[in-house]
Amino acid sequence: MKGFFGLYVIGKGDIQPLIEQIVGSKYKDKIRVILYTDLIDLVNLKIELTPVVGESKAIEKIQSLIFPIESVNIGNIIKLIREIAEAISEQSIEDENEEKKSEKPWTKDELLEFLRGCTHYQKVLIAALAQVERYPIQKKYLLVLMNEIAKEKAFLGIGKKLLGKEIAGARGGLKLKRKLLGKEDFIEGYWDKSEKDYVYRIKDEYKDIILEWVKIENLEI
C-alpha cells in the first residue's frame, strides 16, 4: 500500500472497535476513519474555503485534514488549523467591510425613531454607553452601569442581574434591525488586546442625539 491511503466512512454507530483494529495493525499510518456527518462538515468547509483561497488550495487543505498527519509534532496540526481560521477570518472581514460601504448614516429623526422601538435590554445597553464618562469602556464596567440603570429604572421590568450574554443579545438584535434599514452601526465594539476585554463606545456623531433620547426615556443615572 505504499503511496496509497485508505479512508473508512462510517454512517453511524460506535467506531472505536474499528479504530482499535487499525491502530493495532501495520496499516495504522495508512488508514483513517471518519463519520459520514463529519465528512459532510469537511465538504462544507471546502465550499467555504474555495472562494477565499481558490479551488486547488481548498482541496489541498481538506486533503491535509483527511490524510495521515505526522502526529509527533503537533505544530503541523496547529499550523493547518491556524491557516484555515485565518483564511475564513480574512474573508469575513472583507465581507463586513463591503457591507459597511453600503450602509448609510442616520438622520436625527431616523435614529430617535429607531431607539424608541428598542427592547428594554437594548435601551439599557445604549443608555449606559451614552452616559460613559470616558471611552472606550470595558465590558465589565459597562455591565456595572447597565445593572445600575436596570435597578434604578424599575419601569423597565428587567428584574435580574445583567451578564455578558445580555450585551451580545442586545447587540445582535440591534444589528439585525438596522441592517434591514440599511443603516450603519452607531456603536463601536472590539476586542482590546491590552485590556484583555471587549470595549465599546458610541460614535461621536450620534452621542448628542442618543443623550437627548436618554432624557426623553428617563434613563439618566
N, C-alpha and C. Protein backbone atom coordinates (compact mmCIF):
# COMPACT_ATOMS: atom_id res chain seq x y z
N MET A 1 0.83 -1.21 0.00
CA MET A 1 0.00 0.00 0.00
C MET A 1 0.86 1.26 0.00
N LYS A 2 2.11 1.15 -0.34
CA LYS A 2 3.00 2.30 -0.35
C LYS A 2 2.48 3.34 -1.34
N GLY A 3 2.32 4.58 -0.88
CA GLY A 3 1.82 5.64 -1.73
C GLY A 3 0.32 5.73 -1.78
N PHE A 4 -0.37 4.83 -1.08
CA PHE A 4 -1.83 4.83 -1.07
C PHE A 4 -2.34 4.97 0.36
N PHE A 5 -3.54 5.54 0.46
CA PHE A 5 -4.17 5.72 1.77
C PHE A 5 -5.60 5.23 1.71
N GLY A 6 -6.10 4.75 2.85
CA GLY A 6 -7.47 4.28 2.92
C GLY A 6 -8.29 5.12 3.87
N LEU A 7 -9.57 5.30 3.55
CA LEU A 7 -10.47 6.08 4.40
C LEU A 7 -11.78 5.32 4.58
N TYR A 8 -12.07 4.94 5.80
CA TYR A 8 -13.34 4.31 6.11
C TYR A 8 -14.36 5.40 6.46
N VAL A 9 -15.48 5.43 5.75
CA VAL A 9 -16.56 6.37 6.05
C VAL A 9 -17.68 5.59 6.71
N ILE A 10 -18.00 5.93 7.97
CA ILE A 10 -18.98 5.20 8.76
C ILE A 10 -20.28 6.01 8.87
N GLY A 11 -21.39 5.36 8.59
CA GLY A 11 -22.68 6.05 8.64
C GLY A 11 -23.06 6.43 10.06
N LYS A 12 -23.05 5.47 10.95
CA LYS A 12 -23.36 5.73 12.35
C LYS A 12 -22.91 4.54 13.19
N GLY A 13 -22.94 4.71 14.48
CA GLY A 13 -22.55 3.63 15.38
C GLY A 13 -21.22 3.88 16.06
N ASP A 14 -20.78 2.90 16.80
CA ASP A 14 -19.54 3.00 17.56
C ASP A 14 -18.35 2.68 16.66
N ILE A 15 -17.49 3.66 16.44
CA ILE A 15 -16.35 3.44 15.55
C ILE A 15 -15.08 3.06 16.32
N GLN A 16 -15.16 3.05 17.64
CA GLN A 16 -13.97 2.77 18.44
C GLN A 16 -13.35 1.39 18.15
N PRO A 17 -14.17 0.30 18.02
CA PRO A 17 -13.58 -1.02 17.71
C PRO A 17 -12.76 -1.00 16.42
N LEU A 18 -13.27 -0.31 15.40
CA LEU A 18 -12.55 -0.22 14.13
C LEU A 18 -11.25 0.56 14.31
N ILE A 19 -11.33 1.65 15.08
CA ILE A 19 -10.13 2.45 15.34
C ILE A 19 -9.06 1.60 16.02
N GLU A 20 -9.47 0.82 16.99
CA GLU A 20 -8.52 -0.03 17.73
C GLU A 20 -7.89 -1.07 16.82
N GLN A 21 -8.68 -1.62 15.89
CA GLN A 21 -8.14 -2.58 14.94
C GLN A 21 -7.07 -1.95 14.06
N ILE A 22 -7.36 -0.73 13.60
CA ILE A 22 -6.41 -0.04 12.71
C ILE A 22 -5.14 0.32 13.46
N VAL A 23 -5.29 0.83 14.68
CA VAL A 23 -4.12 1.21 15.48
C VAL A 23 -3.22 0.01 15.75
N GLY A 24 -3.84 -1.16 15.90
CA GLY A 24 -3.06 -2.38 16.18
C GLY A 24 -2.53 -3.08 14.95
N SER A 25 -2.79 -2.52 13.79
CA SER A 25 -2.34 -3.17 12.55
C SER A 25 -1.14 -2.45 11.96
N LYS A 26 -0.58 -3.05 10.91
CA LYS A 26 0.58 -2.45 10.24
C LYS A 26 0.17 -1.29 9.33
N TYR A 27 -1.15 -1.09 9.19
CA TYR A 27 -1.65 -0.03 8.31
C TYR A 27 -2.09 1.23 9.08
N LYS A 28 -1.66 1.31 10.33
CA LYS A 28 -2.13 2.43 11.16
C LYS A 28 -1.74 3.80 10.61
N ASP A 29 -0.67 3.85 9.81
CA ASP A 29 -0.25 5.13 9.21
C ASP A 29 -0.82 5.32 7.82
N LYS A 30 -1.66 4.39 7.38
CA LYS A 30 -2.19 4.44 6.02
C LYS A 30 -3.71 4.55 5.96
N ILE A 31 -4.37 4.33 7.08
CA ILE A 31 -5.83 4.29 7.08
C ILE A 31 -6.39 5.26 8.11
N ARG A 32 -7.46 5.92 7.74
CA ARG A 32 -8.16 6.82 8.64
C ARG A 32 -9.65 6.49 8.64
N VAL A 33 -10.35 6.93 9.69
CA VAL A 33 -11.78 6.67 9.86
C VAL A 33 -12.50 8.00 10.07
N ILE A 34 -13.68 8.14 9.47
CA ILE A 34 -14.45 9.36 9.66
C ILE A 34 -15.94 9.03 9.61
N LEU A 35 -16.70 9.68 10.46
CA LEU A 35 -18.15 9.53 10.41
C LEU A 35 -18.70 10.29 9.20
N TYR A 36 -19.79 9.80 8.67
CA TYR A 36 -20.40 10.42 7.50
C TYR A 36 -20.74 11.89 7.76
N THR A 37 -21.28 12.18 8.94
CA THR A 37 -21.66 13.55 9.27
C THR A 37 -20.44 14.48 9.31
N ASP A 38 -19.30 13.94 9.80
CA ASP A 38 -18.07 14.74 9.83
C ASP A 38 -17.52 14.97 8.42
N LEU A 39 -17.73 13.97 7.56
CA LEU A 39 -17.30 14.12 6.17
C LEU A 39 -18.09 15.22 5.48
N ILE A 40 -19.38 15.29 5.78
CA ILE A 40 -20.22 16.36 5.22
C ILE A 40 -19.72 17.72 5.69
N ASP A 41 -19.31 17.78 6.97
CA ASP A 41 -18.76 19.04 7.50
C ASP A 41 -17.50 19.43 6.74
N LEU A 42 -16.67 18.45 6.40
CA LEU A 42 -15.45 18.73 5.64
C LEU A 42 -15.78 19.26 4.24
N VAL A 43 -16.80 18.67 3.63
CA VAL A 43 -17.22 19.13 2.31
C VAL A 43 -17.70 20.58 2.39
N ASN A 44 -18.47 20.89 3.42
CA ASN A 44 -18.96 22.27 3.60
C ASN A 44 -17.80 23.23 3.86
N LEU A 45 -16.79 22.77 4.61
CA LEU A 45 -15.61 23.60 4.86
C LEU A 45 -14.88 23.89 3.57
N LYS A 46 -14.79 22.89 2.71
CA LYS A 46 -14.14 23.07 1.40
C LYS A 46 -14.89 24.10 0.57
N ILE A 47 -16.24 24.04 0.63
CA ILE A 47 -17.07 25.00 -0.11
C ILE A 47 -16.83 26.41 0.40
N GLU A 48 -16.69 26.58 1.73
CA GLU A 48 -16.45 27.90 2.32
C GLU A 48 -15.07 28.43 1.97
N LEU A 49 -14.09 27.53 1.90
CA LEU A 49 -12.72 27.95 1.64
C LEU A 49 -12.46 28.28 0.17
N THR A 50 -13.20 27.64 -0.74
CA THR A 50 -12.93 27.80 -2.18
C THR A 50 -12.92 29.25 -2.65
N PRO A 51 -13.95 30.06 -2.33
CA PRO A 51 -13.91 31.45 -2.80
C PRO A 51 -12.85 32.30 -2.10
N VAL A 52 -12.31 31.79 -0.99
CA VAL A 52 -11.32 32.54 -0.22
C VAL A 52 -9.91 32.26 -0.72
N VAL A 53 -9.55 30.97 -0.85
CA VAL A 53 -8.17 30.60 -1.21
C VAL A 53 -8.06 29.96 -2.58
N GLY A 54 -9.19 29.71 -3.25
CA GLY A 54 -9.16 29.07 -4.56
C GLY A 54 -9.42 27.57 -4.45
N GLU A 55 -9.86 26.99 -5.56
CA GLU A 55 -10.24 25.57 -5.59
C GLU A 55 -9.11 24.64 -5.19
N SER A 56 -7.93 24.82 -5.80
CA SER A 56 -6.82 23.88 -5.57
C SER A 56 -6.33 23.93 -4.13
N LYS A 57 -6.20 25.14 -3.57
CA LYS A 57 -5.72 25.25 -2.19
C LYS A 57 -6.76 24.75 -1.20
N ALA A 58 -8.04 24.95 -1.52
CA ALA A 58 -9.10 24.45 -0.64
C ALA A 58 -9.03 22.93 -0.58
N ILE A 59 -8.87 22.31 -1.74
CA ILE A 59 -8.77 20.84 -1.80
C ILE A 59 -7.53 20.38 -1.04
N GLU A 60 -6.42 21.10 -1.22
CA GLU A 60 -5.17 20.75 -0.55
C GLU A 60 -5.31 20.76 0.97
N LYS A 61 -6.00 21.76 1.49
CA LYS A 61 -6.16 21.87 2.94
C LYS A 61 -7.08 20.78 3.48
N ILE A 62 -8.12 20.45 2.74
CA ILE A 62 -9.02 19.38 3.16
C ILE A 62 -8.31 18.04 3.12
N GLN A 63 -7.49 17.84 2.08
CA GLN A 63 -6.71 16.60 1.99
C GLN A 63 -5.75 16.47 3.16
N SER A 64 -5.20 17.61 3.59
CA SER A 64 -4.28 17.59 4.72
C SER A 64 -4.97 17.15 6.00
N LEU A 65 -6.28 17.44 6.08
CA LEU A 65 -7.03 17.01 7.26
C LEU A 65 -7.36 15.53 7.20
N ILE A 66 -7.62 15.03 6.00
CA ILE A 66 -8.02 13.62 5.84
C ILE A 66 -6.82 12.69 5.86
N PHE A 67 -5.77 13.07 5.13
CA PHE A 67 -4.60 12.20 5.06
C PHE A 67 -3.88 12.13 6.41
N PRO A 68 -3.21 11.03 6.68
CA PRO A 68 -2.47 10.90 7.94
C PRO A 68 -1.49 12.05 8.14
N ILE A 69 -1.57 12.69 9.31
CA ILE A 69 -0.68 13.79 9.65
C ILE A 69 0.38 13.29 10.61
N GLU A 70 1.62 13.70 10.41
CA GLU A 70 2.69 13.33 11.34
C GLU A 70 2.32 13.89 12.71
N SER A 71 1.98 12.99 13.63
CA SER A 71 1.34 13.40 14.87
C SER A 71 2.30 13.64 16.04
N VAL A 72 3.59 13.35 15.86
CA VAL A 72 4.54 13.60 16.95
C VAL A 72 4.72 15.10 17.12
N ASN A 73 4.87 15.79 15.99
CA ASN A 73 4.98 17.24 16.01
C ASN A 73 3.60 17.84 15.83
N ILE A 74 2.93 18.20 16.93
CA ILE A 74 1.57 18.71 16.82
C ILE A 74 1.53 20.12 16.23
N GLY A 75 2.71 20.70 16.05
CA GLY A 75 2.77 22.02 15.41
C GLY A 75 2.20 21.97 14.01
N ASN A 76 2.32 20.81 13.33
CA ASN A 76 1.76 20.66 11.99
C ASN A 76 0.24 20.81 12.00
N ILE A 77 -0.38 20.23 13.01
CA ILE A 77 -1.84 20.31 13.13
C ILE A 77 -2.26 21.74 13.46
N ILE A 78 -1.54 22.37 14.40
CA ILE A 78 -1.85 23.75 14.79
C ILE A 78 -1.70 24.69 13.61
N LYS A 79 -0.66 24.50 12.81
CA LYS A 79 -0.43 25.35 11.64
C LYS A 79 -1.58 25.23 10.65
N LEU A 80 -2.05 24.01 10.43
CA LEU A 80 -3.14 23.79 9.49
C LEU A 80 -4.42 24.47 9.98
N ILE A 81 -4.73 24.30 11.26
CA ILE A 81 -5.92 24.91 11.83
C ILE A 81 -5.83 26.43 11.74
N ARG A 82 -4.65 26.98 12.05
CA ARG A 82 -4.46 28.43 12.01
C ARG A 82 -4.65 28.96 10.59
N GLU A 83 -4.12 28.27 9.60
CA GLU A 83 -4.23 28.71 8.21
C GLU A 83 -5.69 28.75 7.77
N ILE A 84 -6.46 27.73 8.15
CA ILE A 84 -7.87 27.69 7.78
C ILE A 84 -8.62 28.81 8.49
N ALA A 85 -8.37 28.98 9.79
CA ALA A 85 -9.05 30.01 10.58
C ALA A 85 -8.74 31.40 10.04
N GLU A 86 -7.47 31.65 9.69
CA GLU A 86 -7.07 32.96 9.19
C GLU A 86 -7.72 33.26 7.84
N ALA A 87 -7.80 32.23 6.99
CA ALA A 87 -8.39 32.41 5.67
C ALA A 87 -9.86 32.79 5.79
N ILE A 88 -10.59 32.08 6.65
CA ILE A 88 -12.02 32.37 6.84
C ILE A 88 -12.20 33.73 7.51
N SER A 89 -11.32 34.06 8.47
CA SER A 89 -11.42 35.33 9.17
C SER A 89 -11.19 36.50 8.22
N GLU A 90 -10.20 36.39 7.34
CA GLU A 90 -9.90 37.46 6.38
C GLU A 90 -11.09 37.69 5.46
N GLN A 91 -11.73 36.60 5.03
CA GLN A 91 -12.89 36.75 4.15
C GLN A 91 -14.04 37.39 4.89
N SER A 92 -14.19 37.02 6.17
CA SER A 92 -15.26 37.59 6.98
C SER A 92 -15.08 39.10 7.13
N ILE A 93 -13.84 39.53 7.34
CA ILE A 93 -13.55 40.96 7.48
C ILE A 93 -13.84 41.70 6.17
N GLU A 94 -13.46 41.07 5.04
CA GLU A 94 -13.72 41.68 3.73
C GLU A 94 -15.21 41.83 3.48
N ASP A 95 -15.97 40.78 3.83
CA ASP A 95 -17.42 40.83 3.64
C ASP A 95 -18.04 41.91 4.50
N GLU A 96 -17.54 42.04 5.75
CA GLU A 96 -18.07 43.05 6.66
C GLU A 96 -17.77 44.44 6.16
N ASN A 97 -16.56 44.64 5.61
CA ASN A 97 -16.19 45.95 5.08
C ASN A 97 -17.06 46.32 3.87
N GLU A 98 -17.38 45.31 3.04
CA GLU A 98 -18.24 45.56 1.89
C GLU A 98 -19.64 45.96 2.34
N GLU A 99 -20.12 45.31 3.41
CA GLU A 99 -21.44 45.64 3.94
C GLU A 99 -21.45 47.08 4.46
N LYS A 100 -20.38 47.47 5.17
CA LYS A 100 -20.31 48.81 5.75
C LYS A 100 -20.34 49.88 4.67
N LYS A 101 -19.76 49.58 3.49
CA LYS A 101 -19.74 50.57 2.42
C LYS A 101 -21.14 50.92 1.95
N SER A 102 -22.05 49.96 2.05
CA SER A 102 -23.41 50.17 1.57
C SER A 102 -24.35 50.71 2.64
N GLU A 103 -23.87 50.81 3.90
CA GLU A 103 -24.71 51.28 4.99
C GLU A 103 -24.69 52.81 5.06
N LYS A 104 -25.85 53.39 5.29
CA LYS A 104 -25.99 54.84 5.29
C LYS A 104 -26.03 55.39 6.71
N PRO A 105 -25.60 56.65 6.89
CA PRO A 105 -25.67 57.28 8.22
C PRO A 105 -27.10 57.59 8.60
N TRP A 106 -27.31 57.82 9.91
CA TRP A 106 -28.64 58.13 10.43
C TRP A 106 -28.90 59.63 10.43
N THR A 107 -30.12 60.00 10.15
CA THR A 107 -30.54 61.37 10.45
C THR A 107 -31.02 61.36 11.90
N LYS A 108 -31.18 62.52 12.49
CA LYS A 108 -31.61 62.59 13.88
C LYS A 108 -32.99 61.96 14.06
N ASP A 109 -33.93 62.29 13.19
CA ASP A 109 -35.29 61.75 13.32
C ASP A 109 -35.29 60.23 13.14
N GLU A 110 -34.51 59.74 12.21
CA GLU A 110 -34.44 58.29 11.98
C GLU A 110 -33.91 57.56 13.20
N LEU A 111 -32.86 58.11 13.79
CA LEU A 111 -32.24 57.44 14.93
C LEU A 111 -33.16 57.48 16.16
N LEU A 112 -33.80 58.61 16.39
CA LEU A 112 -34.71 58.72 17.53
C LEU A 112 -35.88 57.73 17.39
N GLU A 113 -36.39 57.61 16.17
CA GLU A 113 -37.49 56.67 15.92
C GLU A 113 -37.02 55.23 16.15
N PHE A 114 -35.81 54.92 15.70
CA PHE A 114 -35.24 53.59 15.88
C PHE A 114 -35.07 53.26 17.36
N LEU A 115 -34.55 54.21 18.12
CA LEU A 115 -34.31 54.00 19.55
C LEU A 115 -35.60 53.79 20.32
N ARG A 116 -36.65 54.47 19.90
CA ARG A 116 -37.94 54.32 20.59
C ARG A 116 -38.48 52.90 20.48
N GLY A 117 -38.11 52.21 19.43
CA GLY A 117 -38.61 50.86 19.21
C GLY A 117 -37.71 49.76 19.76
N CYS A 118 -36.67 50.14 20.51
CA CYS A 118 -35.74 49.15 21.05
C CYS A 118 -36.35 48.38 22.22
N THR A 119 -35.84 47.18 22.45
CA THR A 119 -36.26 46.39 23.61
C THR A 119 -35.66 47.01 24.87
N HIS A 120 -36.13 46.58 26.03
CA HIS A 120 -35.62 47.12 27.29
C HIS A 120 -34.13 46.82 27.47
N TYR A 121 -33.71 45.62 27.07
CA TYR A 121 -32.29 45.28 27.19
C TYR A 121 -31.44 46.17 26.28
N GLN A 122 -31.94 46.42 25.08
CA GLN A 122 -31.22 47.29 24.15
C GLN A 122 -31.17 48.72 24.67
N LYS A 123 -32.26 49.16 25.28
CA LYS A 123 -32.30 50.52 25.83
C LYS A 123 -31.30 50.69 26.97
N VAL A 124 -31.21 49.67 27.83
CA VAL A 124 -30.26 49.74 28.94
C VAL A 124 -28.83 49.80 28.42
N LEU A 125 -28.53 48.99 27.42
CA LEU A 125 -27.19 48.99 26.83
C LEU A 125 -26.86 50.36 26.24
N ILE A 126 -27.74 50.88 25.43
CA ILE A 126 -27.48 52.16 24.75
C ILE A 126 -27.40 53.31 25.75
N ALA A 127 -28.31 53.30 26.74
CA ALA A 127 -28.31 54.37 27.75
C ALA A 127 -27.03 54.35 28.56
N ALA A 128 -26.56 53.17 28.90
CA ALA A 128 -25.31 53.06 29.67
C ALA A 128 -24.13 53.58 28.85
N LEU A 129 -24.06 53.18 27.59
CA LEU A 129 -22.97 53.62 26.74
C LEU A 129 -22.98 55.14 26.52
N ALA A 130 -24.17 55.70 26.41
CA ALA A 130 -24.29 57.13 26.16
C ALA A 130 -23.82 57.96 27.35
N GLN A 131 -23.86 57.38 28.54
CA GLN A 131 -23.52 58.13 29.75
C GLN A 131 -22.14 57.80 30.31
N VAL A 132 -21.34 57.11 29.51
CA VAL A 132 -19.97 56.80 29.92
C VAL A 132 -19.14 58.08 29.91
N GLU A 133 -18.34 58.26 30.94
CA GLU A 133 -17.53 59.48 31.04
C GLU A 133 -16.31 59.43 30.13
N ARG A 134 -15.77 58.22 29.94
CA ARG A 134 -14.56 58.12 29.13
C ARG A 134 -14.63 56.88 28.24
N TYR A 135 -14.34 57.08 26.97
CA TYR A 135 -14.36 55.97 26.00
C TYR A 135 -12.94 55.49 25.71
N PRO A 136 -12.81 54.23 25.26
CA PRO A 136 -13.84 53.20 25.27
C PRO A 136 -14.01 52.61 26.66
N ILE A 137 -15.12 51.93 26.88
CA ILE A 137 -15.38 51.34 28.18
C ILE A 137 -15.31 49.81 28.07
N GLN A 138 -14.67 49.19 29.04
CA GLN A 138 -14.57 47.74 29.05
C GLN A 138 -15.92 47.11 29.37
N LYS A 139 -16.10 45.92 28.88
CA LYS A 139 -17.37 45.22 29.08
C LYS A 139 -17.73 45.09 30.56
N LYS A 140 -16.74 44.77 31.39
CA LYS A 140 -17.05 44.56 32.81
C LYS A 140 -17.57 45.83 33.48
N TYR A 141 -17.05 46.99 33.07
CA TYR A 141 -17.53 48.26 33.64
C TYR A 141 -18.86 48.67 33.01
N LEU A 142 -19.03 48.34 31.74
CA LEU A 142 -20.29 48.62 31.08
C LEU A 142 -21.43 47.87 31.76
N LEU A 143 -21.17 46.63 32.15
CA LEU A 143 -22.18 45.83 32.84
C LEU A 143 -22.57 46.45 34.19
N VAL A 144 -21.62 47.06 34.86
CA VAL A 144 -21.91 47.74 36.13
C VAL A 144 -22.92 48.86 35.89
N LEU A 145 -22.70 49.66 34.86
CA LEU A 145 -23.61 50.76 34.53
C LEU A 145 -24.98 50.24 34.10
N MET A 146 -24.98 49.19 33.30
CA MET A 146 -26.23 48.62 32.83
C MET A 146 -27.08 48.11 34.01
N ASN A 147 -26.43 47.45 34.95
CA ASN A 147 -27.16 46.93 36.10
C ASN A 147 -27.66 48.05 37.01
N GLU A 148 -26.90 49.14 37.06
CA GLU A 148 -27.33 50.30 37.85
C GLU A 148 -28.60 50.90 37.26
N ILE A 149 -28.62 51.04 35.93
CA ILE A 149 -29.80 51.59 35.26
C ILE A 149 -30.99 50.65 35.44
N ALA A 150 -30.76 49.35 35.23
CA ALA A 150 -31.85 48.37 35.34
C ALA A 150 -32.46 48.37 36.74
N LYS A 151 -31.61 48.57 37.75
CA LYS A 151 -32.09 48.58 39.13
C LYS A 151 -32.86 49.86 39.44
N GLU A 152 -32.33 51.00 38.99
CA GLU A 152 -32.97 52.28 39.29
C GLU A 152 -34.25 52.49 38.48
N LYS A 153 -34.28 51.98 37.27
CA LYS A 153 -35.43 52.19 36.39
C LYS A 153 -36.30 50.93 36.40
N ALA A 154 -37.01 50.77 37.50
CA ALA A 154 -37.83 49.57 37.68
C ALA A 154 -38.91 49.43 36.62
N PHE A 155 -39.31 50.56 36.01
CA PHE A 155 -40.36 50.51 35.00
C PHE A 155 -39.95 49.69 33.76
N LEU A 156 -38.64 49.44 33.62
CA LEU A 156 -38.17 48.62 32.51
C LEU A 156 -38.55 47.15 32.71
N GLY A 157 -38.75 46.76 33.97
CA GLY A 157 -39.19 45.40 34.26
C GLY A 157 -38.16 44.32 34.02
N ILE A 158 -36.87 44.66 34.13
CA ILE A 158 -35.83 43.65 33.89
C ILE A 158 -35.70 42.71 35.08
N GLY A 159 -35.51 43.22 36.26
CA GLY A 159 -35.58 42.41 37.47
C GLY A 159 -34.57 41.29 37.60
N LYS A 160 -33.42 41.41 36.98
CA LYS A 160 -32.38 40.39 37.15
C LYS A 160 -31.02 41.02 36.86
N LYS A 161 -29.97 40.32 37.29
CA LYS A 161 -28.62 40.81 37.03
C LYS A 161 -28.27 40.57 35.57
N LEU A 162 -27.78 41.61 34.93
CA LEU A 162 -27.40 41.52 33.52
C LEU A 162 -25.98 41.00 33.39
N LEU A 163 -25.77 40.10 32.43
CA LEU A 163 -24.48 39.49 32.19
C LEU A 163 -24.00 39.78 30.77
N GLY A 164 -22.84 39.27 30.44
CA GLY A 164 -22.29 39.50 29.11
C GLY A 164 -23.20 39.03 27.99
N LYS A 165 -23.97 37.96 28.24
CA LYS A 165 -24.85 37.45 27.19
C LYS A 165 -25.94 38.47 26.84
N GLU A 166 -26.32 39.31 27.81
CA GLU A 166 -27.32 40.34 27.52
C GLU A 166 -26.76 41.40 26.58
N ILE A 167 -25.47 41.70 26.71
CA ILE A 167 -24.83 42.64 25.77
C ILE A 167 -24.83 42.04 24.37
N ALA A 168 -24.41 40.78 24.29
CA ALA A 168 -24.35 40.11 22.98
C ALA A 168 -25.73 40.02 22.35
N GLY A 169 -26.74 39.68 23.17
CA GLY A 169 -28.09 39.57 22.64
C GLY A 169 -28.64 40.91 22.16
N ALA A 170 -28.40 41.95 22.95
CA ALA A 170 -28.87 43.28 22.56
C ALA A 170 -28.17 43.76 21.30
N ARG A 171 -26.86 43.52 21.24
CA ARG A 171 -26.10 43.93 20.05
C ARG A 171 -26.57 43.18 18.80
N GLY A 172 -26.85 41.90 18.97
CA GLY A 172 -27.31 41.09 17.84
C GLY A 172 -28.66 41.58 17.32
N GLY A 173 -29.56 41.89 18.24
CA GLY A 173 -30.87 42.40 17.84
C GLY A 173 -30.79 43.74 17.15
N LEU A 174 -29.94 44.62 17.67
CA LEU A 174 -29.75 45.93 17.06
C LEU A 174 -29.18 45.82 15.65
N LYS A 175 -28.23 44.91 15.49
CA LYS A 175 -27.61 44.71 14.17
C LYS A 175 -28.63 44.26 13.15
N LEU A 176 -29.46 43.31 13.54
CA LEU A 176 -30.47 42.78 12.63
C LEU A 176 -31.45 43.87 12.20
N LYS A 177 -31.90 44.67 13.16
CA LYS A 177 -32.89 45.72 12.88
C LYS A 177 -32.31 46.82 11.98
N ARG A 178 -31.07 47.24 12.28
CA ARG A 178 -30.52 48.35 11.50
C ARG A 178 -30.13 47.90 10.09
N LYS A 179 -29.73 46.63 9.93
CA LYS A 179 -29.37 46.14 8.60
C LYS A 179 -30.59 46.08 7.69
N LEU A 180 -31.73 45.79 8.27
CA LEU A 180 -32.97 45.80 7.48
C LEU A 180 -33.26 47.20 6.96
N LEU A 181 -32.77 48.20 7.69
CA LEU A 181 -32.96 49.60 7.30
C LEU A 181 -31.80 50.12 6.44
N GLY A 182 -30.74 49.32 6.33
CA GLY A 182 -29.57 49.75 5.56
C GLY A 182 -28.77 50.84 6.23
N LYS A 183 -28.79 50.86 7.58
CA LYS A 183 -28.13 51.91 8.33
C LYS A 183 -26.85 51.40 9.01
N GLU A 184 -25.91 52.33 9.25
CA GLU A 184 -24.65 51.98 9.88
C GLU A 184 -24.82 51.79 11.39
N ASP A 185 -23.85 51.13 12.00
CA ASP A 185 -23.88 50.92 13.45
C ASP A 185 -23.48 52.22 14.15
N PHE A 186 -24.20 52.55 15.20
CA PHE A 186 -23.84 53.74 15.98
C PHE A 186 -23.04 53.36 17.23
N ILE A 187 -22.77 52.07 17.38
CA ILE A 187 -21.95 51.57 18.48
C ILE A 187 -20.70 50.89 17.91
N GLU A 188 -19.56 51.21 18.46
CA GLU A 188 -18.32 50.53 18.08
C GLU A 188 -17.95 49.56 19.19
N GLY A 189 -17.59 48.34 18.81
CA GLY A 189 -17.18 47.35 19.80
C GLY A 189 -16.09 46.46 19.21
N TYR A 190 -15.08 46.18 20.03
CA TYR A 190 -13.98 45.35 19.53
C TYR A 190 -13.20 44.78 20.72
N TRP A 191 -12.39 43.77 20.43
CA TRP A 191 -11.54 43.15 21.44
C TRP A 191 -10.27 43.97 21.61
N ASP A 192 -10.00 44.39 22.84
CA ASP A 192 -8.80 45.17 23.13
C ASP A 192 -7.76 44.24 23.75
N LYS A 193 -6.68 44.01 23.02
CA LYS A 193 -5.64 43.09 23.50
C LYS A 193 -5.00 43.58 24.79
N SER A 194 -4.78 44.87 24.89
CA SER A 194 -4.12 45.41 26.09
C SER A 194 -5.00 45.29 27.32
N GLU A 195 -6.31 45.45 27.14
CA GLU A 195 -7.25 45.35 28.26
C GLU A 195 -7.69 43.91 28.50
N LYS A 196 -7.48 43.08 27.48
CA LYS A 196 -7.94 41.68 27.52
C LYS A 196 -9.44 41.61 27.80
N ASP A 197 -10.16 42.47 27.11
CA ASP A 197 -11.60 42.53 27.30
C ASP A 197 -12.20 43.24 26.08
N TYR A 198 -13.52 43.04 25.88
CA TYR A 198 -14.21 43.79 24.84
C TYR A 198 -14.42 45.22 25.33
N VAL A 199 -14.31 46.17 24.41
CA VAL A 199 -14.54 47.57 24.76
C VAL A 199 -15.56 48.16 23.77
N TYR A 200 -16.28 49.18 24.25
CA TYR A 200 -17.38 49.75 23.46
C TYR A 200 -17.37 51.27 23.54
N ARG A 201 -18.04 51.89 22.56
CA ARG A 201 -18.23 53.33 22.57
C ARG A 201 -19.37 53.69 21.63
N ILE A 202 -20.02 54.81 21.91
CA ILE A 202 -20.99 55.40 20.98
C ILE A 202 -20.21 56.27 20.01
N LYS A 203 -20.50 56.18 18.73
CA LYS A 203 -19.81 57.03 17.76
C LYS A 203 -20.09 58.50 18.07
N ASP A 204 -19.06 59.32 17.94
CA ASP A 204 -19.15 60.73 18.32
C ASP A 204 -20.31 61.46 17.65
N GLU A 205 -20.54 61.17 16.37
CA GLU A 205 -21.57 61.92 15.64
C GLU A 205 -22.99 61.62 16.11
N TYR A 206 -23.16 60.57 16.91
CA TYR A 206 -24.50 60.22 17.39
C TYR A 206 -24.67 60.40 18.90
N LYS A 207 -23.61 60.79 19.58
CA LYS A 207 -23.65 60.88 21.04
C LYS A 207 -24.71 61.86 21.53
N ASP A 208 -24.79 63.07 20.98
CA ASP A 208 -25.75 64.07 21.45
C ASP A 208 -27.19 63.65 21.19
N ILE A 209 -27.43 63.02 20.05
CA ILE A 209 -28.78 62.56 19.72
C ILE A 209 -29.23 61.50 20.72
N ILE A 210 -28.32 60.58 21.04
CA ILE A 210 -28.67 59.50 21.96
C ILE A 210 -28.83 60.02 23.37
N LEU A 211 -28.04 60.98 23.76
CA LEU A 211 -28.21 61.59 25.09
C LEU A 211 -29.56 62.29 25.20
N GLU A 212 -30.00 62.90 24.12
CA GLU A 212 -31.33 63.53 24.11
C GLU A 212 -32.40 62.47 24.30
N TRP A 213 -32.22 61.34 23.63
CA TRP A 213 -33.17 60.22 23.77
C TRP A 213 -33.16 59.67 25.20
N VAL A 214 -31.97 59.60 25.80
CA VAL A 214 -31.87 59.12 27.19
C VAL A 214 -32.73 59.95 28.13
N LYS A 215 -32.71 61.27 27.94
CA LYS A 215 -33.52 62.17 28.77
C LYS A 215 -35.00 61.96 28.51
N ILE A 216 -35.36 61.80 27.25
CA ILE A 216 -36.76 61.59 26.90
C ILE A 216 -37.30 60.31 27.54
N GLU A 217 -36.45 59.26 27.56
CA GLU A 217 -36.86 57.95 28.08
C GLU A 217 -36.67 57.84 29.61
N ASN A 218 -36.17 58.91 30.24
CA ASN A 218 -35.92 58.90 31.68
C ASN A 218 -34.96 57.78 32.06
N LEU A 219 -33.87 57.69 31.34
CA LEU A 219 -32.88 56.65 31.60
C LEU A 219 -31.56 57.23 32.15
N GLU A 220 -31.61 58.44 32.64
CA GLU A 220 -30.42 59.07 33.19
C GLU A 220 -30.04 58.45 34.52
N ILE A 221 -28.74 58.39 34.78
CA ILE A 221 -28.23 57.90 36.07
C ILE A 221 -27.34 58.96 36.69
